[in-house]
PDB file of N, CA and C in Angstrom:
ATOM      1  N   PHE A   1      -5.122   1.871  -8.709  1.00  0.00           N
ATOM      2  CA  PHE A   1      -4.789   0.883  -7.701  1.00  0.00           C
ATOM      3  C   PHE A   1      -3.384   0.405  -7.985  1.00  0.00           C
ATOM      4  N   VAL A   2      -2.496   0.592  -7.053  1.00  0.00           N
ATOM      5  CA  VAL A   2      -1.095   0.221  -7.232  1.00  0.00           C
ATOM      6  C   VAL A   2      -0.910  -1.239  -6.858  1.00  0.00           C
ATOM      7  N   SER A   3      -0.232  -1.992  -7.692  1.00  0.00           N
ATOM      8  CA  SER A   3       0.005  -3.409  -7.439  1.00  0.00           C
ATOM      9  C   SER A   3       1.459  -3.646  -7.067  1.00  0.00           C
ATOM     10  N   PRO A   4       1.720  -4.600  -6.192  1.00  0.00           N
ATOM     11  CA  PRO A   4       3.104  -4.885  -5.833  1.00  0.00           C
ATOM     12  C   PRO A   4       3.805  -5.669  -6.935  1.00  0.00           C
ATOM     13  N   SER A   5       5.068  -5.363  -7.143  1.00  0.00           N
ATOM     14  CA  SER A   5       5.838  -6.159  -8.095  1.00  0.00           C
ATOM     15  C   SER A   5       6.448  -7.359  -7.390  1.00  0.00           C
ATOM     16  N   ASN A   6       6.547  -7.284  -6.074  1.00  0.00           N
ATOM     17  CA  ASN A   6       7.088  -8.386  -5.283  1.00  0.00           C
ATOM     18  C   ASN A   6       5.981  -8.879  -4.371  1.00  0.00           C
ATOM     19  N   ILE A   7       5.514 -10.080  -4.587  1.00  0.00           N
ATOM     20  CA  ILE A   7       4.406 -10.572  -3.785  1.00  0.00           C
ATOM     21  C   ILE A   7       4.795 -11.819  -3.020  1.00  0.00           C
ATOM     22  N   ILE A   8       4.131 -12.011  -1.909  1.00  0.00           N
ATOM     23  CA  ILE A   8       4.316 -13.202  -1.107  1.00  0.00           C
ATOM     24  C   ILE A   8       2.936 -13.811  -0.920  1.00  0.00           C
ATOM     25  N   ASN A   9       2.803 -15.077  -1.196  1.00  0.00           N
ATOM     26  CA  ASN A   9       1.544 -15.778  -0.969  1.00  0.00           C
ATOM     27  C   ASN A   9       1.748 -16.794   0.135  1.00  0.00           C
ATOM     28  N   TYR A  10       0.852 -16.802   1.080  1.00  0.00           N
ATOM     29  CA  TYR A  10       0.885 -17.812   2.123  1.00  0.00           C
ATOM     30  C   TYR A  10      -0.422 -18.562   2.093  1.00  0.00           C
ATOM     31  N   ASN A  11      -0.358 -19.853   2.293  1.00  0.00           N
ATOM     32  CA  ASN A  11      -1.542 -20.685   2.313  1.00  0.00           C
ATOM     33  C   ASN A  11      -1.566 -21.370   3.670  1.00  0.00           C
ATOM     34  N   VAL A  12      -2.173 -20.714   4.651  1.00  0.00           N
ATOM     35  CA  VAL A  12      -2.252 -21.196   6.017  1.00  0.00           C
ATOM     36  C   VAL A  12      -0.849 -21.576   6.513  1.00  0.00           C
ATOM     37  N   GLY A  13       0.068 -20.612   6.436  1.00  0.00           N
ATOM     38  CA  GLY A  13       1.413 -20.817   6.950  1.00  0.00           C
ATOM     39  C   GLY A  13       2.400 -21.436   5.986  1.00  0.00           C
ATOM     40  N   GLU A  14       1.960 -21.865   4.831  1.00  0.00           N
ATOM     41  CA  GLU A  14       2.847 -22.482   3.841  1.00  0.00           C
ATOM     42  C   GLU A  14       3.285 -21.424   2.834  1.00  0.00           C
ATOM     43  N   GLU A  15       4.580 -21.195   2.714  1.00  0.00           N
ATOM     44  CA  GLU A  15       5.084 -20.202   1.768  1.00  0.00           C
ATOM     45  C   GLU A  15       4.972 -20.752   0.358  1.00  0.00           C
ATOM     46  N   LEU A  16       4.326 -19.991  -0.523  1.00  0.00           N
ATOM     47  CA  LEU A  16       4.140 -20.430  -1.906  1.00  0.00           C
ATOM     48  C   LEU A  16       5.094 -19.745  -2.867  1.00  0.00           C
ATOM     49  N   MET A  17       5.537 -18.547  -2.528  1.00  0.00           N
ATOM     50  CA  MET A  17       6.436 -17.799  -3.391  1.00  0.00           C
ATOM     51  C   MET A  17       7.389 -17.013  -2.508  1.00  0.00           C
ATOM     52  N   CYS A  18       8.667 -17.070  -2.799  1.00  0.00           N
ATOM     53  CA  CYS A  18       9.642 -16.385  -1.964  1.00  0.00           C
ATOM     54  C   CYS A  18       9.574 -14.870  -2.169  1.00  0.00           C
ATOM     55  N   TYR A  19       9.981 -14.155  -1.149  1.00  0.00           N
ATOM     56  CA  TYR A  19      10.008 -12.698  -1.180  1.00  0.00           C
ATOM     57  C   TYR A  19      11.257 -12.240  -1.913  1.00  0.00           C
ATOM     58  N   GLU A  20      11.091 -11.278  -2.803  1.00  0.00           N
ATOM     59  CA  GLU A  20      12.218 -10.650  -3.465  1.00  0.00           C
ATOM     60  C   GLU A  20      12.235  -9.199  -3.045  1.00  0.00           C
ATOM     61  N   SER A  21      13.330  -8.763  -2.472  1.00  0.00           N
ATOM     62  CA  SER A  21      13.400  -7.391  -1.963  1.00  0.00           C
ATOM     63  C   SER A  21      13.344  -6.385  -3.110  1.00  0.00           C
ATOM     64  N   PRO A  22      12.827  -5.183  -2.822  1.00  0.00           N
ATOM     65  CA  PRO A  22      12.773  -4.127  -3.839  1.00  0.00           C
ATOM     66  C   PRO A  22      14.180  -3.765  -4.310  1.00  0.00           C
ATOM     67  N   ARG A  23      14.322  -3.541  -5.619  1.00  0.00           N
ATOM     68  CA  ARG A  23      15.625  -3.196  -6.179  1.00  0.00           C
ATOM     69  C   ARG A  23      15.522  -2.036  -7.170  1.00  0.00           C
ATOM     70  N   PRO A  24      14.998  -0.906  -6.738  1.00  0.00           N
ATOM     71  CA  PRO A  24      14.932   0.210  -7.697  1.00  0.00           C
ATOM     72  C   PRO A  24      16.340   0.687  -8.052  1.00  0.00           C
ATOM     73  N   THR A  25      16.531   1.030  -9.308  1.00  0.00           N
ATOM     74  CA  THR A  25      17.852   1.492  -9.738  1.00  0.00           C
ATOM     75  C   THR A  25      18.045   2.980  -9.491  1.00  0.00           C
ATOM     76  N   CYS A  26      16.958   3.753  -9.605  1.00  0.00           N
ATOM     77  CA  CYS A  26      17.042   5.182  -9.301  1.00  0.00           C
ATOM     78  C   CYS A  26      15.637   5.749  -9.203  1.00  0.00           C
ATOM     79  N   GLY A  27      15.521   6.913  -8.589  1.00  0.00           N
ATOM     80  CA  GLY A  27      14.239   7.596  -8.486  1.00  0.00           C
ATOM     81  C   GLY A  27      13.377   7.114  -7.338  1.00  0.00           C
ATOM     82  N   ILE A  28      12.126   7.597  -7.306  1.00  0.00           N
ATOM     83  CA  ILE A  28      11.168   7.249  -6.268  1.00  0.00           C
ATOM     84  C   ILE A  28      10.286   6.108  -6.768  1.00  0.00           C
ATOM     85  N   HIS A  29      10.078   5.124  -5.918  1.00  0.00           N
ATOM     86  CA  HIS A  29       9.276   3.958  -6.279  1.00  0.00           C
ATOM     87  C   HIS A  29       8.208   3.714  -5.229  1.00  0.00           C
ATOM     88  N   ARG A  30       7.031   3.240  -5.664  1.00  0.00           N
ATOM     89  CA  ARG A  30       5.901   2.947  -4.773  1.00  0.00           C
ATOM     90  C   ARG A  30       5.815   1.450  -4.534  1.00  0.00           C
ATOM     91  N   TYR A  31       5.530   1.076  -3.311  1.00  0.00           N
ATOM     92  CA  TYR A  31       5.339  -0.336  -2.963  1.00  0.00           C
ATOM     93  C   TYR A  31       4.066  -0.480  -2.153  1.00  0.00           C
ATOM     94  N   VAL A  32       3.311  -1.523  -2.459  1.00  0.00           N
ATOM     95  CA  VAL A  32       2.066  -1.792  -1.758  1.00  0.00           C
ATOM     96  C   VAL A  32       2.039  -3.277  -1.393  1.00  0.00           C
ATOM     97  N   PHE A  33       1.755  -3.558  -0.136  1.00  0.00           N
ATOM     98  CA  PHE A  33       1.543  -4.927   0.313  1.00  0.00           C
ATOM     99  C   PHE A  33       0.080  -5.031   0.703  1.00  0.00           C
ATOM    100  N   VAL A  34      -0.629  -5.978   0.117  1.00  0.00           N
ATOM    101  CA  VAL A  34      -2.071  -6.118   0.333  1.00  0.00           C
ATOM    102  C   VAL A  34      -2.351  -7.491   0.946  1.00  0.00           C
ATOM    103  N   LEU A  35      -3.176  -7.509   1.978  1.00  0.00           N
ATOM    104  CA  LEU A  35      -3.516  -8.756   2.665  1.00  0.00           C
ATOM    105  C   LEU A  35      -4.983  -9.091   2.432  1.00  0.00           C
ATOM    106  N   PHE A  36      -5.235 -10.308   1.946  1.00  0.00           N
ATOM    107  CA  PHE A  36      -6.595 -10.803   1.734  1.00  0.00           C
ATOM    108  C   PHE A  36      -6.832 -12.009   2.632  1.00  0.00           C
ATOM    109  N   ARG A  37      -8.081 -12.251   2.980  1.00  0.00           N
ATOM    110  CA  ARG A  37      -8.453 -13.436   3.741  1.00  0.00           C
ATOM    111  C   ARG A  37      -8.876 -14.516   2.749  1.00  0.00           C
ATOM    112  N   GLN A  38      -8.216 -15.673   2.821  1.00  0.00           N
ATOM    113  CA  GLN A  38      -8.565 -16.787   1.947  1.00  0.00           C
ATOM    114  C   GLN A  38      -9.853 -17.453   2.413  1.00  0.00           C
ATOM    115  N   ILE A  39     -10.590 -18.012   1.472  1.00  0.00           N
ATOM    116  CA  ILE A  39     -11.835 -18.721   1.783  1.00  0.00           C
ATOM    117  C   ILE A  39     -11.528 -20.037   2.491  1.00  0.00           C
ATOM    118  N   GLY A  40     -10.465 -20.721   2.084  1.00  0.00           N
ATOM    119  CA  GLY A  40     -10.085 -21.998   2.684  1.00  0.00           C
ATOM    120  C   GLY A  40      -8.672 -22.366   2.299  1.00  0.00           C
ATOM    121  N   ARG A  41      -8.250 -23.530   2.697  1.00  0.00           N
ATOM    122  CA  ARG A  41      -6.897 -23.994   2.381  1.00  0.00           C
ATOM    123  C   ARG A  41      -6.752 -24.310   0.897  1.00  0.00           C
ATOM    124  N   LYS A  42      -5.546 -24.038   0.391  1.00  0.00           N
ATOM    125  CA  LYS A  42      -5.197 -24.377  -1.001  1.00  0.00           C
ATOM    126  C   LYS A  42      -6.169 -23.790  -2.017  1.00  0.00           C
ATOM    127  N   THR A  43      -6.649 -22.576  -1.760  1.00  0.00           N
ATOM    128  CA  THR A  43      -7.602 -21.953  -2.677  1.00  0.00           C
ATOM    129  C   THR A  43      -6.967 -20.872  -3.540  1.00  0.00           C
ATOM    130  N   VAL A  44      -5.712 -20.528  -3.273  1.00  0.00           N
ATOM    131  CA  VAL A  44      -5.004 -19.503  -4.034  1.00  0.00           C
ATOM    132  C   VAL A  44      -3.698 -20.109  -4.532  1.00  0.00           C
ATOM    133  N   TYR A  45      -3.391 -19.840  -5.800  1.00  0.00           N
ATOM    134  CA  TYR A  45      -2.187 -20.415  -6.394  1.00  0.00           C
ATOM    135  C   TYR A  45      -1.242 -19.323  -6.861  1.00  0.00           C
ATOM    136  N   VAL A  46       0.017 -19.654  -6.957  1.00  0.00           N
ATOM    137  CA  VAL A  46       1.062 -18.711  -7.350  1.00  0.00           C
ATOM    138  C   VAL A  46       0.808 -18.212  -8.765  1.00  0.00           C
ATOM    139  N   PRO A  47       0.892 -16.897  -8.979  1.00  0.00           N
ATOM    140  CA  PRO A  47       0.728 -16.372 -10.340  1.00  0.00           C
ATOM    141  C   PRO A  47       1.862 -16.859 -11.239  1.00  0.00           C
ATOM    142  N   GLU A  48       1.583 -16.974 -12.523  1.00  0.00           N
ATOM    143  CA  GLU A  48       2.581 -17.438 -13.479  1.00  0.00           C
ATOM    144  C   GLU A  48       3.742 -16.460 -13.613  1.00  0.00           C
ATOM    145  N   ARG A  49       3.453 -15.180 -13.469  1.00  0.00           N
ATOM    146  CA  ARG A  49       4.506 -14.169 -13.589  1.00  0.00           C
ATOM    147  C   ARG A  49       4.199 -12.992 -12.674  1.00  0.00           C
ATOM    148  N   ARG A  50       5.229 -12.246 -12.341  1.00  0.00           N
ATOM    149  CA  ARG A  50       5.076 -11.076 -11.471  1.00  0.00           C
ATOM    150  C   ARG A  50       4.987  -9.776 -12.268  1.00  0.00           C
ATOM    151  N   HIS A  51       5.539  -9.763 -13.467  1.00  0.00           N
ATOM    152  CA  HIS A  51       5.530  -8.557 -14.288  1.00  0.00           C
ATOM    153  C   HIS A  51       4.090  -8.153 -14.597  1.00  0.00           C
ATOM    154  N   ASN A  52       3.749  -6.887 -14.351  1.00  0.00           N
ATOM    155  CA  ASN A  52       2.405  -6.343 -14.578  1.00  0.00           C
ATOM    156  C   ASN A  52       1.331  -7.091 -13.780  1.00  0.00           C
ATOM    157  N   PHE A  53       1.675  -7.528 -12.576  1.00  0.00           N
ATOM    158  CA  PHE A  53       0.718  -8.209 -11.707  1.00  0.00           C
ATOM    159  C   PHE A  53      -0.451  -7.276 -11.415  1.00  0.00           C
ATOM    160  N   ASN A  54      -1.662  -7.804 -11.498  1.00  0.00           N
ATOM    161  CA  ASN A  54      -2.865  -7.009 -11.274  1.00  0.00           C
ATOM    162  C   ASN A  54      -3.574  -7.536 -10.016  1.00  0.00           C
ATOM    163  N   THR A  55      -3.531  -6.761  -8.950  1.00  0.00           N
ATOM    164  CA  THR A  55      -4.098  -7.182  -7.665  1.00  0.00           C
ATOM    165  C   THR A  55      -5.602  -7.376  -7.748  1.00  0.00           C
ATOM    166  N   ARG A  56      -6.291  -6.469  -8.409  1.00  0.00           N
ATOM    167  CA  ARG A  56      -7.754  -6.599  -8.523  1.00  0.00           C
ATOM    168  C   ARG A  56      -8.153  -7.872  -9.262  1.00  0.00           C
ATOM    169  N   GLU A  57      -7.467  -8.134 -10.363  1.00  0.00           N
ATOM    170  CA  GLU A  57      -7.755  -9.336 -11.148  1.00  0.00           C
ATOM    171  C   GLU A  57      -7.468 -10.599 -10.328  1.00  0.00           C
ATOM    172  N   PHE A  58      -6.374 -10.596  -9.590  1.00  0.00           N
ATOM    173  CA  PHE A  58      -6.006 -11.714  -8.737  1.00  0.00           C
ATOM    174  C   PHE A  58      -7.094 -11.973  -7.691  1.00  0.00           C
ATOM    175  N   ALA A  59      -7.561 -10.906  -7.040  1.00  0.00           N
ATOM    176  CA  ALA A  59      -8.610 -11.030  -6.020  1.00  0.00           C
ATOM    177  C   ALA A  59      -9.918 -11.522  -6.631  1.00  0.00           C
ATOM    178  N   GLU A  60     -10.260 -11.046  -7.823  1.00  0.00           N
ATOM    179  CA  GLU A  60     -11.487 -11.489  -8.492  1.00  0.00           C
ATOM    180  C   GLU A  60     -11.405 -12.965  -8.892  1.00  0.00           C
ATOM    181  N   ASN A  61     -10.243 -13.379  -9.406  1.00  0.00           N
ATOM    182  CA  ASN A  61     -10.062 -14.776  -9.839  1.00  0.00           C
ATOM    183  C   ASN A  61     -10.249 -15.766  -8.699  1.00  0.00           C
ATOM    184  N   TYR A  62      -9.874 -15.366  -7.496  1.00  0.00           N
ATOM    185  CA  TYR A  62      -9.940 -16.269  -6.354  1.00  0.00           C
ATOM    186  C   TYR A  62     -11.029 -15.889  -5.342  1.00  0.00           C
ATOM    187  N   ASN A  63     -11.929 -15.013  -5.744  1.00  0.00           N
ATOM    188  CA  ASN A  63     -13.042 -14.592  -4.877  1.00  0.00           C
ATOM    189  C   ASN A  63     -12.563 -14.181  -3.489  1.00  0.00           C
ATOM    190  N   LEU A  64     -11.548 -13.323  -3.450  1.00  0.00           N
ATOM    191  CA  LEU A  64     -10.968 -12.900  -2.178  1.00  0.00           C
ATOM    192  C   LEU A  64     -11.693 -11.716  -1.552  1.00  0.00           C
ATOM    193  N   GLY A  65     -12.519 -11.045  -2.322  1.00  0.00           N
ATOM    194  CA  GLY A  65     -13.227  -9.884  -1.785  1.00  0.00           C
ATOM    195  C   GLY A  65     -12.288  -8.703  -1.595  1.00  0.00           C
ATOM    196  N   SER A  66     -12.649  -7.820  -0.695  1.00  0.00           N
ATOM    197  CA  SER A  66     -11.837  -6.631  -0.420  1.00  0.00           C
ATOM    198  C   SER A  66     -10.654  -6.985   0.479  1.00  0.00           C
ATOM    199  N   PRO A  67      -9.568  -6.223   0.375  1.00  0.00           N
ATOM    200  CA  PRO A  67      -8.422  -6.459   1.251  1.00  0.00           C
ATOM    201  C   PRO A  67      -8.795  -6.222   2.716  1.00  0.00           C
ATOM    202  N   VAL A  68      -8.143  -6.948   3.616  1.00  0.00           N
ATOM    203  CA  VAL A  68      -8.364  -6.734   5.049  1.00  0.00           C
ATOM    204  C   VAL A  68      -7.307  -5.796   5.621  1.00  0.00           C
ATOM    205  N   ALA A  69      -6.204  -5.613   4.903  1.00  0.00           N
ATOM    206  CA  ALA A  69      -5.153  -4.683   5.328  1.00  0.00           C
ATOM    207  C   ALA A  69      -4.266  -4.352   4.134  1.00  0.00           C
ATOM    208  N   ALA A  70      -3.598  -3.213   4.223  1.00  0.00           N
ATOM    209  CA  ALA A  70      -2.656  -2.826   3.183  1.00  0.00           C
ATOM    210  C   ALA A  70      -1.618  -1.876   3.770  1.00  0.00           C
ATOM    211  N   VAL A  71      -0.418  -1.920   3.198  1.00  0.00           N
ATOM    212  CA  VAL A  71       0.658  -1.013   3.589  1.00  0.00           C
ATOM    213  C   VAL A  71       1.210  -0.408   2.304  1.00  0.00           C
ATOM    214  N   TYR A  72       1.396   0.898   2.316  1.00  0.00           N
ATOM    215  CA  TYR A  72       1.908   1.618   1.155  1.00  0.00           C
ATOM    216  C   TYR A  72       3.133   2.409   1.600  1.00  0.00           C
ATOM    217  N   PHE A  73       4.196   2.387   0.809  1.00  0.00           N
ATOM    218  CA  PHE A  73       5.342   3.234   1.135  1.00  0.00           C
ATOM    219  C   PHE A  73       6.104   3.588  -0.132  1.00  0.00           C
ATOM    220  N   ASN A  74       6.825   4.700  -0.046  1.00  0.00           N
ATOM    221  CA  ASN A  74       7.708   5.145  -1.119  1.00  0.00           C
ATOM    222  C   ASN A  74       9.147   4.911  -0.687  1.00  0.00           C
ATOM    223  N   CYS A  75      10.002   4.651  -1.640  1.00  0.00           N
ATOM    224  CA  CYS A  75      11.426   4.607  -1.343  1.00  0.00           C
ATOM    225  C   CYS A  75      12.147   5.288  -2.494  1.00  0.00           C
ATOM    226  N   GLN A  76      13.336   5.765  -2.199  1.00  0.00           N
ATOM    227  CA  GLN A  76      14.120   6.476  -3.202  1.00  0.00           C
ATOM    228  C   GLN A  76      15.532   5.930  -3.198  1.00  0.00           C
ATOM    229  N   ARG A  77      16.072   5.831  -4.388  1.00  0.00           N
ATOM    230  CA  ARG A  77      17.451   5.382  -4.505  1.00  0.00           C
ATOM    231  C   ARG A  77      18.222   6.357  -5.347  1.00  0.00           C
TER     232      ARG A  77
END
């Protein structure tokens, strides 16, 4: 399961973490954006760090269930 290194969290329209654009230095890189449905307002909090972010663990911690949508793409620099 590929996890995004750049994540955006929204809490009913409220931006919790700013988007950082991909910055690969060279080679082919994978990016995944995963969308989960929150149980309610203010139920998901910003992760302490982005390095080695684990999407499955994040979803389990907040009882998000399975993703409702995902986008995967490769880019090369």
